[in-house]
Every structure is written in structure tokens, then in C-alpha cells.
Amino acid sequence: MWITSAFAAGGPTDGSGIVQFLPMIVIFAAFYFILIRPQQKKAKEHRAMLDALQKGDEVVTSGGVVGKLVKVSDQFVTVEIAANTEVVLQRSAISGKLEKGTIKSL
């Protein structure tokens, strides 16, 4: 009698498989909307900014160096950081595009 009662109380039911995985599904959905999706959107915007770079744009590099683009190619850019001082960087090292005239105001 004791064994039958304990078995009946703790036995699995037909719909419990999905109910057990429901918290994991909810957590994955939350991670997707809170972490993964915004990161993908930010990466897409950065890629579009890099594709739109042109000669004469003022940029800031990932190292914090501010300069003006002198030459733009597929993989590399040449940035003028001071008078007669040019640095060749990978295109992916550009972290942001600045508004025109930002360098003069610094």
C-alpha cells in the first residue's frame, strides 16, 4: 500500500515533458532578445559604417586615435593623424565615424 501511493504521487504524466523544458525555452528566448539580437544589430550597423567610409571622412580608431582618411581600399585605410603623418590601418580598426570639423574643434 505504501509503495503504490508513493508511485502514484510521483509518477510522470503525459504532458510533463514540455512542462519540464518550458523554463529553458523561456530563458533561451530572453537571452536572444536581451543579448544576441542587439549585438547582431550593432555589428550590422558597424559593418555598414565601414562599407560607407570615403576619403576625407574623420574617424576614430579602436585605439582612440583621431584622424582623417586619406586613402581607402578594400582591406586597409590610410589615416592622417597629424600634418605629414599618415598611418596605415586595417579597415576593421575603425571604430567610429566623426562629424566633419571634429578634429579642428579638438
N, C-alpha and C. Protein backbone atom coordinates (compact mmCIF):
# COMPACT_ATOMS: atom_id res chain seq x y z
N MET A 1 0.81 -1.19 0.00
CA MET A 1 0.00 0.00 0.00
C MET A 1 0.87 1.27 0.00
N TRP A 2 1.96 1.29 0.75
CA TRP A 2 2.83 2.48 0.77
C TRP A 2 3.52 2.67 -0.57
N ILE A 3 3.97 1.62 -1.16
CA ILE A 3 4.70 1.74 -2.42
C ILE A 3 3.76 2.21 -3.53
N THR A 4 2.58 1.73 -3.56
CA THR A 4 1.63 2.12 -4.58
C THR A 4 1.27 3.59 -4.45
N SER A 5 1.09 4.10 -3.25
CA SER A 5 0.75 5.51 -3.05
C SER A 5 1.90 6.41 -3.47
N ALA A 6 3.13 6.04 -3.11
CA ALA A 6 4.29 6.86 -3.46
C ALA A 6 4.50 6.86 -4.97
N PHE A 7 4.32 5.72 -5.61
CA PHE A 7 4.49 5.63 -7.05
C PHE A 7 3.43 6.45 -7.77
N ALA A 8 2.23 6.42 -7.28
CA ALA A 8 1.15 7.16 -7.91
C ALA A 8 1.34 8.66 -7.75
N ALA A 9 1.89 9.11 -6.64
CA ALA A 9 2.07 10.54 -6.41
C ALA A 9 3.22 11.11 -7.22
N GLY A 10 4.28 10.34 -7.48
CA GLY A 10 5.45 10.89 -8.16
C GLY A 10 5.60 10.45 -9.58
N GLY A 11 4.67 9.75 -10.11
CA GLY A 11 4.80 9.24 -11.48
C GLY A 11 4.65 10.35 -12.51
N PRO A 12 5.34 10.20 -13.66
CA PRO A 12 5.24 11.22 -14.70
C PRO A 12 3.88 11.17 -15.39
N THR A 13 3.46 12.33 -15.85
CA THR A 13 2.22 12.40 -16.60
C THR A 13 2.55 12.57 -18.08
N ASP A 14 1.55 12.54 -18.92
CA ASP A 14 1.78 12.60 -20.37
C ASP A 14 2.33 13.95 -20.83
N GLY A 15 1.91 15.07 -20.30
CA GLY A 15 2.33 16.39 -20.77
C GLY A 15 3.51 16.97 -20.02
N SER A 16 4.15 16.23 -19.14
CA SER A 16 5.20 16.80 -18.30
C SER A 16 6.51 17.03 -19.06
N GLY A 17 6.72 16.41 -20.22
CA GLY A 17 7.95 16.60 -20.99
C GLY A 17 8.14 18.03 -21.43
N ILE A 18 7.11 18.63 -21.97
CA ILE A 18 7.19 20.02 -22.42
C ILE A 18 7.23 20.96 -21.23
N VAL A 19 6.51 20.65 -20.19
CA VAL A 19 6.49 21.50 -19.00
C VAL A 19 7.87 21.57 -18.36
N GLN A 20 8.64 20.48 -18.42
CA GLN A 20 9.98 20.49 -17.86
C GLN A 20 10.94 21.35 -18.69
N PHE A 21 10.76 21.38 -20.01
CA PHE A 21 11.64 22.16 -20.87
C PHE A 21 11.18 23.60 -21.06
N LEU A 22 10.01 23.94 -20.62
CA LEU A 22 9.49 25.29 -20.78
C LEU A 22 10.36 26.36 -20.13
N PRO A 23 10.88 26.19 -18.91
CA PRO A 23 11.77 27.22 -18.35
C PRO A 23 13.04 27.43 -19.17
N MET A 24 13.61 26.37 -19.73
CA MET A 24 14.81 26.52 -20.56
C MET A 24 14.48 27.27 -21.85
N ILE A 25 13.31 27.00 -22.41
CA ILE A 25 12.90 27.70 -23.63
C ILE A 25 12.69 29.18 -23.34
N VAL A 26 12.09 29.50 -22.23
CA VAL A 26 11.87 30.90 -21.85
C VAL A 26 13.20 31.61 -21.60
N ILE A 27 14.13 30.95 -20.95
CA ILE A 27 15.45 31.54 -20.70
C ILE A 27 16.19 31.78 -22.00
N PHE A 28 16.15 30.82 -22.93
CA PHE A 28 16.81 31.00 -24.22
C PHE A 28 16.19 32.17 -24.99
N ALA A 29 14.88 32.29 -24.96
CA ALA A 29 14.21 33.40 -25.65
C ALA A 29 14.62 34.73 -25.02
N ALA A 30 14.71 34.78 -23.70
CA ALA A 30 15.13 36.00 -23.03
C ALA A 30 16.56 36.37 -23.41
N PHE A 31 17.48 35.41 -23.42
CA PHE A 31 18.85 35.68 -23.82
C PHE A 31 18.92 36.17 -25.26
N TYR A 32 18.10 35.60 -26.13
CA TYR A 32 18.10 36.02 -27.52
C TYR A 32 17.71 37.48 -27.64
N PHE A 33 16.61 37.87 -27.00
CA PHE A 33 16.13 39.24 -27.14
C PHE A 33 16.92 40.25 -26.33
N ILE A 34 17.59 39.83 -25.26
CA ILE A 34 18.34 40.76 -24.43
C ILE A 34 19.81 40.86 -24.85
N LEU A 35 20.42 39.76 -25.28
CA LEU A 35 21.85 39.77 -25.57
C LEU A 35 22.18 39.57 -27.05
N ILE A 36 21.67 38.54 -27.67
CA ILE A 36 22.11 38.16 -29.01
C ILE A 36 21.61 39.13 -30.07
N ARG A 37 20.34 39.44 -30.08
CA ARG A 37 19.76 40.29 -31.11
C ARG A 37 20.34 41.70 -31.12
N PRO A 38 20.48 42.38 -29.97
CA PRO A 38 21.10 43.72 -30.00
C PRO A 38 22.56 43.69 -30.48
N GLN A 39 23.29 42.64 -30.13
CA GLN A 39 24.68 42.53 -30.57
C GLN A 39 24.76 42.36 -32.08
N GLN A 40 23.87 41.57 -32.66
CA GLN A 40 23.84 41.40 -34.11
C GLN A 40 23.48 42.70 -34.81
N LYS A 41 22.56 43.46 -34.23
CA LYS A 41 22.16 44.74 -34.80
C LYS A 41 23.32 45.72 -34.78
N LYS A 42 24.04 45.77 -33.67
CA LYS A 42 25.20 46.66 -33.55
C LYS A 42 26.29 46.28 -34.55
N ALA A 43 26.54 44.98 -34.72
CA ALA A 43 27.56 44.52 -35.68
C ALA A 43 27.15 44.87 -37.10
N LYS A 44 25.87 44.78 -37.42
CA LYS A 44 25.39 45.12 -38.75
C LYS A 44 25.57 46.61 -39.03
N GLU A 45 25.28 47.46 -38.05
CA GLU A 45 25.46 48.90 -38.20
C GLU A 45 26.94 49.26 -38.38
N HIS A 46 27.83 48.58 -37.62
CA HIS A 46 29.27 48.84 -37.74
C HIS A 46 29.77 48.43 -39.12
N ARG A 47 29.30 47.29 -39.62
CA ARG A 47 29.69 46.83 -40.95
C ARG A 47 29.24 47.82 -42.02
N ALA A 48 28.02 48.35 -41.88
CA ALA A 48 27.52 49.34 -42.84
C ALA A 48 28.33 50.63 -42.78
N MET A 49 28.75 51.04 -41.58
CA MET A 49 29.57 52.23 -41.44
C MET A 49 30.92 52.03 -42.11
N LEU A 50 31.52 50.86 -41.93
CA LEU A 50 32.81 50.59 -42.56
C LEU A 50 32.71 50.56 -44.08
N ASP A 51 31.61 50.04 -44.61
CA ASP A 51 31.43 49.99 -46.05
C ASP A 51 31.22 51.38 -46.65
N ALA A 52 30.70 52.32 -45.86
CA ALA A 52 30.40 53.66 -46.35
C ALA A 52 31.55 54.64 -46.19
N LEU A 53 32.70 54.20 -45.68
CA LEU A 53 33.83 55.12 -45.48
C LEU A 53 34.34 55.65 -46.81
N GLN A 54 34.66 56.94 -46.82
CA GLN A 54 35.17 57.60 -48.01
C GLN A 54 36.38 58.45 -47.65
N LYS A 55 37.13 58.81 -48.68
CA LYS A 55 38.27 59.70 -48.49
C LYS A 55 37.78 61.04 -47.95
N GLY A 56 38.44 61.56 -46.90
CA GLY A 56 38.08 62.83 -46.30
C GLY A 56 37.24 62.69 -45.04
N ASP A 57 36.73 61.50 -44.75
CA ASP A 57 35.95 61.29 -43.53
C ASP A 57 36.85 61.37 -42.30
N GLU A 58 36.32 61.89 -41.23
CA GLU A 58 37.05 61.93 -39.96
C GLU A 58 36.60 60.75 -39.13
N VAL A 59 37.58 60.00 -38.62
CA VAL A 59 37.28 58.75 -37.92
C VAL A 59 38.05 58.66 -36.61
N VAL A 60 37.61 57.74 -35.77
CA VAL A 60 38.34 57.39 -34.55
C VAL A 60 38.62 55.89 -34.64
N THR A 61 39.84 55.51 -34.27
CA THR A 61 40.22 54.10 -34.34
C THR A 61 39.88 53.41 -33.03
N SER A 62 40.03 52.10 -33.03
CA SER A 62 39.75 51.34 -31.82
C SER A 62 40.76 51.66 -30.72
N GLY A 63 41.90 52.21 -31.08
CA GLY A 63 42.89 52.61 -30.10
C GLY A 63 42.69 54.03 -29.58
N GLY A 64 41.71 54.74 -30.15
CA GLY A 64 41.41 56.09 -29.69
C GLY A 64 42.09 57.18 -30.48
N VAL A 65 42.76 56.84 -31.57
CA VAL A 65 43.44 57.83 -32.40
C VAL A 65 42.42 58.46 -33.34
N VAL A 66 42.42 59.79 -33.41
CA VAL A 66 41.50 60.52 -34.27
C VAL A 66 42.27 60.99 -35.49
N GLY A 67 41.67 60.84 -36.67
CA GLY A 67 42.35 61.27 -37.88
C GLY A 67 41.40 61.39 -39.05
N LYS A 68 41.98 61.76 -40.18
CA LYS A 68 41.22 61.98 -41.41
C LYS A 68 41.67 60.95 -42.44
N LEU A 69 40.71 60.33 -43.13
CA LEU A 69 41.04 59.32 -44.12
C LEU A 69 41.65 59.96 -45.36
N VAL A 70 42.81 59.44 -45.76
CA VAL A 70 43.50 59.95 -46.94
C VAL A 70 43.32 58.99 -48.11
N LYS A 71 43.33 57.69 -47.81
CA LYS A 71 43.22 56.68 -48.85
C LYS A 71 42.39 55.53 -48.28
N VAL A 72 41.45 55.04 -49.09
CA VAL A 72 40.58 53.94 -48.66
C VAL A 72 40.66 52.84 -49.70
N SER A 73 40.96 51.62 -49.24
CA SER A 73 40.93 50.46 -50.12
C SER A 73 40.04 49.39 -49.49
N ASP A 74 40.02 48.20 -50.08
CA ASP A 74 39.13 47.14 -49.59
C ASP A 74 39.49 46.70 -48.18
N GLN A 75 40.77 46.49 -47.90
CA GLN A 75 41.20 45.93 -46.62
C GLN A 75 41.83 46.97 -45.69
N PHE A 76 42.46 48.00 -46.27
CA PHE A 76 43.23 48.95 -45.47
C PHE A 76 42.79 50.39 -45.74
N VAL A 77 43.05 51.24 -44.76
CA VAL A 77 42.83 52.68 -44.90
C VAL A 77 44.09 53.41 -44.44
N THR A 78 44.32 54.57 -45.03
CA THR A 78 45.42 55.42 -44.60
C THR A 78 44.82 56.61 -43.88
N VAL A 79 45.24 56.81 -42.63
CA VAL A 79 44.68 57.86 -41.79
C VAL A 79 45.75 58.90 -41.51
N GLU A 80 45.43 60.16 -41.76
CA GLU A 80 46.34 61.25 -41.44
C GLU A 80 46.02 61.70 -40.02
N ILE A 81 46.98 61.48 -39.10
CA ILE A 81 46.74 61.81 -37.70
C ILE A 81 47.35 63.16 -37.32
N ALA A 82 48.26 63.67 -38.12
CA ALA A 82 48.87 64.99 -37.93
C ALA A 82 49.39 65.43 -39.30
N ALA A 83 49.87 66.66 -39.38
CA ALA A 83 50.41 67.15 -40.65
C ALA A 83 51.58 66.27 -41.07
N ASN A 84 51.53 65.75 -42.28
CA ASN A 84 52.56 64.89 -42.86
C ASN A 84 52.81 63.62 -42.04
N THR A 85 51.83 63.16 -41.28
CA THR A 85 51.96 61.91 -40.53
C THR A 85 50.76 61.03 -40.87
N GLU A 86 51.04 59.96 -41.60
CA GLU A 86 49.99 59.05 -42.03
C GLU A 86 50.24 57.66 -41.48
N VAL A 87 49.16 56.98 -41.13
CA VAL A 87 49.23 55.64 -40.57
C VAL A 87 48.33 54.74 -41.41
N VAL A 88 48.83 53.55 -41.74
CA VAL A 88 48.03 52.58 -42.48
C VAL A 88 47.42 51.61 -41.48
N LEU A 89 46.09 51.47 -41.53
CA LEU A 89 45.36 50.61 -40.60
C LEU A 89 44.46 49.66 -41.36
N GLN A 90 44.11 48.56 -40.70
CA GLN A 90 43.08 47.71 -41.26
C GLN A 90 41.75 48.43 -41.16
N ARG A 91 40.90 48.18 -42.10
CA ARG A 91 39.60 48.84 -42.12
C ARG A 91 38.79 48.52 -40.86
N SER A 92 38.95 47.31 -40.35
CA SER A 92 38.19 46.91 -39.16
C SER A 92 38.66 47.61 -37.89
N ALA A 93 39.81 48.31 -37.93
CA ALA A 93 40.31 49.02 -36.76
C ALA A 93 39.59 50.36 -36.56
N ILE A 94 38.76 50.76 -37.51
CA ILE A 94 37.99 51.99 -37.38
C ILE A 94 36.77 51.69 -36.51
N SER A 95 36.66 52.41 -35.41
CA SER A 95 35.54 52.13 -34.50
C SER A 95 34.38 53.09 -34.68
N GLY A 96 34.63 54.25 -35.27
CA GLY A 96 33.53 55.18 -35.46
C GLY A 96 33.87 56.29 -36.42
N LYS A 97 32.83 56.85 -36.99
CA LYS A 97 32.96 57.97 -37.92
C LYS A 97 32.53 59.23 -37.17
N LEU A 98 33.33 60.29 -37.30
CA LEU A 98 33.05 61.55 -36.61
C LEU A 98 32.41 62.54 -37.58
N GLU A 99 31.77 63.55 -37.03
CA GLU A 99 31.20 64.60 -37.86
C GLU A 99 32.31 65.47 -38.42
N LYS A 100 32.04 66.09 -39.56
CA LYS A 100 33.01 66.98 -40.19
C LYS A 100 33.35 68.13 -39.24
N GLY A 101 34.63 68.44 -39.13
CA GLY A 101 35.08 69.54 -38.29
C GLY A 101 35.39 69.16 -36.86
N THR A 102 35.24 67.90 -36.52
CA THR A 102 35.52 67.47 -35.15
C THR A 102 37.00 67.60 -34.81
N ILE A 103 37.85 67.29 -35.75
CA ILE A 103 39.30 67.35 -35.49
C ILE A 103 39.73 68.80 -35.22
N LYS A 104 39.18 69.74 -35.96
CA LYS A 104 39.54 71.15 -35.75
C LYS A 104 39.09 71.65 -34.39
N SER A 105 37.99 71.11 -33.88
CA SER A 105 37.49 71.56 -32.58
C SER A 105 38.24 70.95 -31.41
N LEU A 106 39.06 69.94 -31.66
CA LEU A 106 39.84 69.33 -30.59
C LEU A 106 41.03 70.16 -30.33
